[in-house]
């Protein structure tokens, strides 16, 4: 049996990791509701630490940063006026950094993200939550729009999900989603490769 390869590799277009300052960093849904309770993510503390390293490196390099936050209904998950909907302290925006509130998983849908992200072909680096949902939806949409997409793999996290016959563990779901994105949608690299 032959060794698996990606569609990128077959097309001779394997992505390379952009450096901080060469790409816009977009942090997806780094909100307190993912820290505890029914939406608590597996490995979130380490993912936040790695996202913070990437964020600090981007800021030091003079790169652009965009924060995306899901805007939930008042009193529910991701209520932006409540603690749960706030961006976690370690990744909080600085003055001058854009904050985009999104109504759907795809952060380009119904928002000004495409305008803020820059011209088609611009390099974008994504980190955040959840790998299988809002990160994946946004990266796939960005690829369709013509952006050069990168995912900081170890600065993302997800949670266990029910599936037919049992449970798919967060680690397996995370790895499978990253492999799918790396096939034809984005370069997928750990933070250490990006800074």
Foldseek 3Di string as FASTA:
>chain_A
DDDDDFQCVVVVNQDAFAAQQQFEEEEEAQFQLCCDDPNPWPLQVQLLVLVLVLVVRNVVSVHAYEYEFEDDDPPDALPCVDRRVDHDPSPHDDPPHHYWYDHALASVPPICVVVVRDDAQGEYEYAYDALLTSVLNNQQVSVVSRYAYEYQLSNHTGAWDADVPGIDGGVNSSVVSLVVCSRPRHHYHHSVSHD
